[in-house]
Amino acid sequence: MIDIRKLEERDIPDLQRAIDNDTFHPGEWKINHFLSTPGNPVTTNVISDEAGPIAFVRYTKSLRISCVWDDAADTSRNARAIIQGIRDAVEKARASGFSEIIITTTHPKLAAFFERILKMTKSDGEFLLAV
């Protein structure tokens, strides 16, 4: 029988073992990613059966932003709009209890802007900004 429950202190050694043995995302996770703090509000569940833990599932409140440009070639205005728009999104996200903003793009120049100017973290084609 499968059991799902909230992560407890006693689960930390099993979580660390899972992180150490993770072949899908080697080196990506740390214990603190699964623990809720004021700057990182998360919920973590343990999925287990009679043989022990199967998975540690981390839930975040993420605000995913999508956008269409009126004139994609107007990079100067668009850059200013992105900066102001992200500031506004961060304020709204914080006020609503979100922990991160996610934007997906395949456009190389926009991706570079997100990383260099907005200091967003790239992960699998998505750009994340902790709020």
N, C-alpha and C. Protein backbone atom coordinates (compact mmCIF):
# COMPACT_ATOMS: atom_id res chain seq x y z
N MET A 1 0.84 -1.19 0.00
CA MET A 1 0.00 0.00 0.00
C MET A 1 0.89 1.26 0.00
N ILE A 2 0.54 2.22 -0.81
CA ILE A 2 1.27 3.48 -0.90
C ILE A 2 0.74 4.45 0.15
N ASP A 3 1.68 5.13 0.84
CA ASP A 3 1.34 6.12 1.86
C ASP A 3 1.97 7.45 1.45
N ILE A 4 1.23 8.52 1.61
CA ILE A 4 1.75 9.86 1.34
C ILE A 4 1.55 10.70 2.58
N ARG A 5 2.65 11.29 3.07
CA ARG A 5 2.58 12.09 4.29
C ARG A 5 3.61 13.21 4.20
N LYS A 6 3.46 14.19 5.09
CA LYS A 6 4.40 15.31 5.12
C LYS A 6 5.78 14.85 5.60
N LEU A 7 6.80 15.48 5.06
CA LEU A 7 8.17 15.23 5.47
C LEU A 7 8.34 15.57 6.94
N GLU A 8 9.04 14.71 7.66
CA GLU A 8 9.35 14.93 9.07
C GLU A 8 10.85 14.91 9.26
N GLU A 9 11.29 15.41 10.39
CA GLU A 9 12.72 15.46 10.72
C GLU A 9 13.37 14.07 10.56
N ARG A 10 12.67 13.04 10.97
CA ARG A 10 13.21 11.68 10.91
C ARG A 10 13.45 11.20 9.47
N ASP A 11 12.88 11.90 8.47
CA ASP A 11 13.05 11.52 7.07
C ASP A 11 14.32 12.09 6.44
N ILE A 12 14.97 13.02 7.12
CA ILE A 12 16.12 13.72 6.53
C ILE A 12 17.23 12.76 6.08
N PRO A 13 17.62 11.76 6.87
CA PRO A 13 18.67 10.85 6.38
C PRO A 13 18.26 10.11 5.09
N ASP A 14 17.01 9.69 5.00
CA ASP A 14 16.53 9.03 3.78
C ASP A 14 16.52 10.01 2.61
N LEU A 15 16.10 11.24 2.86
CA LEU A 15 16.11 12.27 1.81
C LEU A 15 17.54 12.51 1.33
N GLN A 16 18.48 12.62 2.25
CA GLN A 16 19.88 12.84 1.86
C GLN A 16 20.40 11.68 1.02
N ARG A 17 20.06 10.46 1.38
CA ARG A 17 20.47 9.30 0.61
C ARG A 17 19.88 9.37 -0.81
N ALA A 18 18.60 9.75 -0.90
CA ALA A 18 17.96 9.87 -2.21
C ALA A 18 18.66 10.94 -3.06
N ILE A 19 18.99 12.06 -2.43
CA ILE A 19 19.69 13.14 -3.15
C ILE A 19 21.05 12.65 -3.63
N ASP A 20 21.78 11.97 -2.75
CA ASP A 20 23.11 11.46 -3.10
C ASP A 20 23.06 10.45 -4.24
N ASN A 21 21.96 9.69 -4.34
CA ASN A 21 21.83 8.65 -5.35
C ASN A 21 21.05 9.09 -6.59
N ASP A 22 20.65 10.35 -6.65
CA ASP A 22 19.80 10.84 -7.74
C ASP A 22 20.57 10.85 -9.06
N THR A 23 20.15 10.00 -9.99
CA THR A 23 20.80 9.95 -11.30
C THR A 23 20.09 10.84 -12.33
N PHE A 24 18.88 11.29 -12.04
CA PHE A 24 18.16 12.17 -12.96
C PHE A 24 18.65 13.61 -12.88
N HIS A 25 18.98 14.08 -11.67
CA HIS A 25 19.42 15.47 -11.46
C HIS A 25 20.65 15.51 -10.56
N PRO A 26 21.74 14.85 -10.95
CA PRO A 26 22.90 14.77 -10.05
C PRO A 26 23.44 16.16 -9.68
N GLY A 27 23.61 16.35 -8.37
CA GLY A 27 24.17 17.60 -7.87
C GLY A 27 23.21 18.77 -7.82
N GLU A 28 21.98 18.60 -8.28
CA GLU A 28 21.03 19.72 -8.34
C GLU A 28 20.37 19.99 -6.99
N TRP A 29 20.06 18.95 -6.23
CA TRP A 29 19.27 19.11 -5.01
C TRP A 29 20.14 19.11 -3.76
N LYS A 30 19.65 19.84 -2.77
CA LYS A 30 20.22 19.84 -1.42
C LYS A 30 19.05 19.73 -0.45
N ILE A 31 19.33 19.30 0.76
CA ILE A 31 18.28 19.14 1.77
C ILE A 31 17.44 20.41 1.89
N ASN A 32 18.11 21.58 1.91
CA ASN A 32 17.38 22.83 2.15
C ASN A 32 16.35 23.14 1.06
N HIS A 33 16.48 22.54 -0.13
CA HIS A 33 15.47 22.74 -1.16
C HIS A 33 14.12 22.15 -0.75
N PHE A 34 14.15 21.18 0.15
CA PHE A 34 12.94 20.46 0.55
C PHE A 34 12.38 20.94 1.89
N LEU A 35 13.06 21.90 2.53
CA LEU A 35 12.63 22.41 3.82
C LEU A 35 12.05 23.81 3.66
N SER A 36 10.94 24.06 4.30
CA SER A 36 10.29 25.36 4.21
C SER A 36 10.99 26.37 5.12
N THR A 37 11.31 27.51 4.55
CA THR A 37 11.89 28.64 5.28
C THR A 37 11.17 29.90 4.83
N PRO A 38 11.36 31.03 5.53
CA PRO A 38 10.69 32.25 5.09
C PRO A 38 11.00 32.63 3.63
N GLY A 39 12.22 32.38 3.17
CA GLY A 39 12.57 32.70 1.79
C GLY A 39 12.31 31.57 0.82
N ASN A 40 11.89 30.42 1.32
CA ASN A 40 11.68 29.25 0.48
C ASN A 40 10.47 28.46 0.98
N PRO A 41 9.27 29.02 0.85
CA PRO A 41 8.10 28.30 1.34
C PRO A 41 7.74 27.11 0.44
N VAL A 42 8.00 25.92 0.94
CA VAL A 42 7.69 24.70 0.19
C VAL A 42 6.94 23.73 1.09
N THR A 43 6.28 22.80 0.48
CA THR A 43 5.69 21.67 1.18
C THR A 43 6.34 20.43 0.59
N THR A 44 6.79 19.53 1.44
CA THR A 44 7.41 18.31 0.95
C THR A 44 6.67 17.11 1.52
N ASN A 45 6.33 16.19 0.65
CA ASN A 45 5.70 14.94 1.05
C ASN A 45 6.64 13.78 0.79
N VAL A 46 6.46 12.74 1.57
CA VAL A 46 7.17 11.49 1.39
C VAL A 46 6.16 10.48 0.88
N ILE A 47 6.48 9.85 -0.24
CA ILE A 47 5.66 8.76 -0.76
C ILE A 47 6.41 7.48 -0.44
N SER A 48 5.74 6.58 0.26
CA SER A 48 6.42 5.36 0.69
C SER A 48 5.47 4.17 0.65
N ASP A 49 6.06 3.00 0.82
CA ASP A 49 5.29 1.77 0.98
C ASP A 49 5.94 0.96 2.09
N GLU A 50 5.56 -0.29 2.23
CA GLU A 50 6.09 -1.10 3.32
C GLU A 50 7.60 -1.30 3.24
N ALA A 51 8.21 -1.10 2.06
CA ALA A 51 9.65 -1.25 1.91
C ALA A 51 10.40 0.04 2.25
N GLY A 52 9.69 1.16 2.42
CA GLY A 52 10.34 2.42 2.77
C GLY A 52 10.01 3.52 1.77
N PRO A 53 10.79 4.62 1.82
CA PRO A 53 10.53 5.76 0.93
C PRO A 53 10.68 5.38 -0.55
N ILE A 54 9.79 5.94 -1.34
CA ILE A 54 9.85 5.78 -2.79
C ILE A 54 10.28 7.10 -3.44
N ALA A 55 9.70 8.21 -2.95
CA ALA A 55 9.99 9.52 -3.52
C ALA A 55 9.75 10.61 -2.49
N PHE A 56 10.48 11.69 -2.66
CA PHE A 56 10.30 12.91 -1.86
C PHE A 56 9.81 13.96 -2.84
N VAL A 57 8.61 14.49 -2.61
CA VAL A 57 7.96 15.38 -3.56
C VAL A 57 7.89 16.78 -2.98
N ARG A 58 8.48 17.72 -3.71
CA ARG A 58 8.56 19.11 -3.29
C ARG A 58 7.53 19.92 -4.06
N TYR A 59 6.68 20.64 -3.32
CA TYR A 59 5.66 21.50 -3.93
C TYR A 59 6.02 22.95 -3.65
N THR A 60 5.97 23.77 -4.69
CA THR A 60 6.20 25.20 -4.53
C THR A 60 4.99 25.95 -5.09
N LYS A 61 4.86 27.20 -4.67
CA LYS A 61 3.85 28.07 -5.27
C LYS A 61 4.57 28.91 -6.31
N SER A 62 4.37 28.56 -7.56
CA SER A 62 5.06 29.23 -8.65
C SER A 62 4.09 30.02 -9.51
N LEU A 63 4.52 31.19 -9.90
CA LEU A 63 3.75 32.03 -10.80
C LEU A 63 4.40 31.92 -12.18
N ARG A 64 3.69 31.33 -13.11
CA ARG A 64 4.21 31.17 -14.47
C ARG A 64 3.71 32.33 -15.31
N ILE A 65 4.63 33.00 -15.97
CA ILE A 65 4.30 34.19 -16.76
C ILE A 65 4.46 33.88 -18.24
N SER A 66 3.45 34.26 -19.02
CA SER A 66 3.50 34.16 -20.48
C SER A 66 3.23 35.54 -21.04
N CYS A 67 3.78 35.81 -22.20
CA CYS A 67 3.68 37.16 -22.75
C CYS A 67 3.70 37.10 -24.28
N VAL A 68 3.00 38.04 -24.90
CA VAL A 68 3.11 38.23 -26.35
C VAL A 68 3.44 39.70 -26.57
N TRP A 69 4.39 39.97 -27.46
CA TRP A 69 4.86 41.34 -27.70
C TRP A 69 4.07 41.99 -28.82
N ASP A 70 3.80 43.27 -28.65
CA ASP A 70 3.15 44.04 -29.70
C ASP A 70 4.12 44.21 -30.88
N ASP A 71 5.40 44.47 -30.57
CA ASP A 71 6.43 44.62 -31.61
C ASP A 71 7.70 43.97 -31.07
N ALA A 72 7.93 42.73 -31.43
CA ALA A 72 9.08 41.98 -30.93
C ALA A 72 10.41 42.61 -31.31
N ALA A 73 10.43 43.41 -32.36
CA ALA A 73 11.68 44.04 -32.81
C ALA A 73 12.04 45.27 -31.99
N ASP A 74 11.11 45.80 -31.22
CA ASP A 74 11.35 47.00 -30.42
C ASP A 74 12.02 46.61 -29.09
N THR A 75 13.26 46.18 -29.19
CA THR A 75 13.95 45.60 -28.02
C THR A 75 14.16 46.59 -26.89
N SER A 76 14.33 47.85 -27.20
CA SER A 76 14.53 48.85 -26.15
C SER A 76 13.30 49.00 -25.26
N ARG A 77 12.15 49.21 -25.89
CA ARG A 77 10.91 49.32 -25.11
C ARG A 77 10.58 48.01 -24.41
N ASN A 78 10.80 46.90 -25.10
CA ASN A 78 10.50 45.60 -24.52
C ASN A 78 11.35 45.32 -23.28
N ALA A 79 12.63 45.68 -23.35
CA ALA A 79 13.52 45.48 -22.20
C ALA A 79 13.04 46.29 -21.00
N ARG A 80 12.68 47.54 -21.22
CA ARG A 80 12.16 48.37 -20.12
C ARG A 80 10.87 47.78 -19.56
N ALA A 81 10.02 47.28 -20.45
CA ALA A 81 8.75 46.67 -20.02
C ALA A 81 9.00 45.41 -19.20
N ILE A 82 9.98 44.61 -19.62
CA ILE A 82 10.30 43.39 -18.87
C ILE A 82 10.73 43.74 -17.45
N ILE A 83 11.64 44.70 -17.34
CA ILE A 83 12.16 45.07 -16.01
C ILE A 83 11.03 45.56 -15.12
N GLN A 84 10.21 46.47 -15.63
CA GLN A 84 9.10 46.99 -14.82
C GLN A 84 8.06 45.89 -14.57
N GLY A 85 7.79 45.09 -15.58
CA GLY A 85 6.81 44.01 -15.43
C GLY A 85 7.24 42.97 -14.41
N ILE A 86 8.52 42.64 -14.37
CA ILE A 86 9.02 41.67 -13.39
C ILE A 86 8.93 42.27 -11.99
N ARG A 87 9.28 43.54 -11.84
CA ARG A 87 9.13 44.19 -10.52
C ARG A 87 7.69 44.09 -10.03
N ASP A 88 6.76 44.38 -10.91
CA ASP A 88 5.34 44.31 -10.58
C ASP A 88 4.94 42.87 -10.24
N ALA A 89 5.41 41.92 -11.04
CA ALA A 89 5.08 40.51 -10.80
C ALA A 89 5.64 40.02 -9.46
N VAL A 90 6.85 40.46 -9.12
CA VAL A 90 7.45 40.06 -7.84
C VAL A 90 6.60 40.58 -6.68
N GLU A 91 6.19 41.84 -6.75
CA GLU A 91 5.34 42.41 -5.69
C GLU A 91 4.04 41.61 -5.56
N LYS A 92 3.39 41.34 -6.68
CA LYS A 92 2.13 40.59 -6.66
C LYS A 92 2.34 39.16 -6.18
N ALA A 93 3.43 38.55 -6.62
CA ALA A 93 3.71 37.16 -6.22
C ALA A 93 3.95 37.09 -4.71
N ARG A 94 4.75 37.99 -4.19
CA ARG A 94 5.01 38.00 -2.74
C ARG A 94 3.72 38.20 -1.95
N ALA A 95 2.92 39.14 -2.39
CA ALA A 95 1.67 39.44 -1.69
C ALA A 95 0.70 38.26 -1.71
N SER A 96 0.83 37.40 -2.71
CA SER A 96 -0.08 36.26 -2.83
C SER A 96 0.53 34.95 -2.32
N GLY A 97 1.73 35.04 -1.75
CA GLY A 97 2.35 33.85 -1.16
C GLY A 97 3.10 32.95 -2.12
N PHE A 98 3.39 33.43 -3.32
CA PHE A 98 4.18 32.63 -4.26
C PHE A 98 5.64 32.67 -3.85
N SER A 99 6.38 31.63 -4.22
CA SER A 99 7.79 31.57 -3.86
C SER A 99 8.71 31.77 -5.05
N GLU A 100 8.19 31.66 -6.27
CA GLU A 100 9.04 31.84 -7.43
C GLU A 100 8.21 32.22 -8.65
N ILE A 101 8.90 32.85 -9.58
CA ILE A 101 8.32 33.20 -10.87
C ILE A 101 9.04 32.36 -11.91
N ILE A 102 8.28 31.80 -12.84
CA ILE A 102 8.85 30.98 -13.91
C ILE A 102 8.44 31.56 -15.25
N ILE A 103 9.43 31.70 -16.14
CA ILE A 103 9.17 32.15 -17.50
C ILE A 103 9.87 31.16 -18.43
N THR A 104 9.18 30.75 -19.49
CA THR A 104 9.75 29.85 -20.48
C THR A 104 9.96 30.61 -21.77
N THR A 105 11.15 30.46 -22.35
CA THR A 105 11.41 31.05 -23.66
C THR A 105 12.44 30.21 -24.39
N THR A 106 12.35 30.23 -25.72
CA THR A 106 13.37 29.59 -26.55
C THR A 106 14.15 30.65 -27.33
N HIS A 107 13.80 31.91 -27.12
CA HIS A 107 14.46 33.01 -27.82
C HIS A 107 15.82 33.29 -27.17
N PRO A 108 16.92 33.13 -27.89
CA PRO A 108 18.26 33.25 -27.30
C PRO A 108 18.54 34.61 -26.64
N LYS A 109 18.13 35.70 -27.30
CA LYS A 109 18.41 37.03 -26.72
C LYS A 109 17.59 37.27 -25.46
N LEU A 110 16.34 36.84 -25.47
CA LEU A 110 15.50 37.00 -24.28
C LEU A 110 16.04 36.12 -23.14
N ALA A 111 16.46 34.91 -23.47
CA ALA A 111 17.03 34.02 -22.46
C ALA A 111 18.28 34.65 -21.84
N ALA A 112 19.14 35.22 -22.67
CA ALA A 112 20.35 35.87 -22.16
C ALA A 112 19.99 37.06 -21.28
N PHE A 113 18.97 37.83 -21.66
CA PHE A 113 18.50 38.96 -20.85
C PHE A 113 18.04 38.48 -19.48
N PHE A 114 17.26 37.41 -19.46
CA PHE A 114 16.78 36.86 -18.18
C PHE A 114 17.95 36.48 -17.28
N GLU A 115 18.95 35.84 -17.85
CA GLU A 115 20.09 35.38 -17.04
C GLU A 115 21.01 36.54 -16.63
N ARG A 116 21.41 37.37 -17.58
CA ARG A 116 22.39 38.43 -17.30
C ARG A 116 21.80 39.61 -16.54
N ILE A 117 20.68 40.11 -16.99
CA ILE A 117 20.12 41.34 -16.43
C ILE A 117 19.23 41.05 -15.21
N LEU A 118 18.34 40.08 -15.32
CA LEU A 118 17.40 39.80 -14.24
C LEU A 118 17.93 38.76 -13.24
N LYS A 119 19.09 38.17 -13.57
CA LYS A 119 19.74 37.17 -12.69
C LYS A 119 18.82 35.99 -12.41
N MET A 120 18.05 35.58 -13.42
CA MET A 120 17.18 34.42 -13.29
C MET A 120 18.02 33.16 -13.49
N THR A 121 17.61 32.10 -12.87
CA THR A 121 18.32 30.83 -12.98
C THR A 121 17.68 29.98 -14.07
N LYS A 122 18.51 29.48 -14.99
CA LYS A 122 17.99 28.66 -16.08
C LYS A 122 17.92 27.21 -15.62
N SER A 123 16.80 26.56 -15.91
CA SER A 123 16.62 25.15 -15.60
C SER A 123 15.72 24.52 -16.65
N ASP A 124 16.30 23.69 -17.48
CA ASP A 124 15.53 22.97 -18.50
C ASP A 124 14.66 23.89 -19.37
N GLY A 125 15.22 24.98 -19.86
CA GLY A 125 14.48 25.88 -20.75
C GLY A 125 13.58 26.85 -20.03
N GLU A 126 13.51 26.73 -18.71
CA GLU A 126 12.71 27.68 -17.92
C GLU A 126 13.66 28.58 -17.16
N PHE A 127 13.17 29.76 -16.85
CA PHE A 127 13.95 30.72 -16.10
C PHE A 127 13.21 31.02 -14.80
N LEU A 128 13.90 30.82 -13.69
CA LEU A 128 13.27 30.93 -12.36
C LEU A 128 13.83 32.13 -11.61
N LEU A 129 12.93 32.81 -10.93
CA LEU A 129 13.31 33.93 -10.07
C LEU A 129 12.64 33.73 -8.74
N ALA A 130 13.43 33.56 -7.69
CA ALA A 130 12.87 33.42 -6.34
C ALA A 130 12.35 34.77 -5.91
N VAL A 131 11.16 34.77 -5.29
CA VAL A 131 10.59 36.02 -4.82
C VAL A 131 10.57 35.98 -3.31
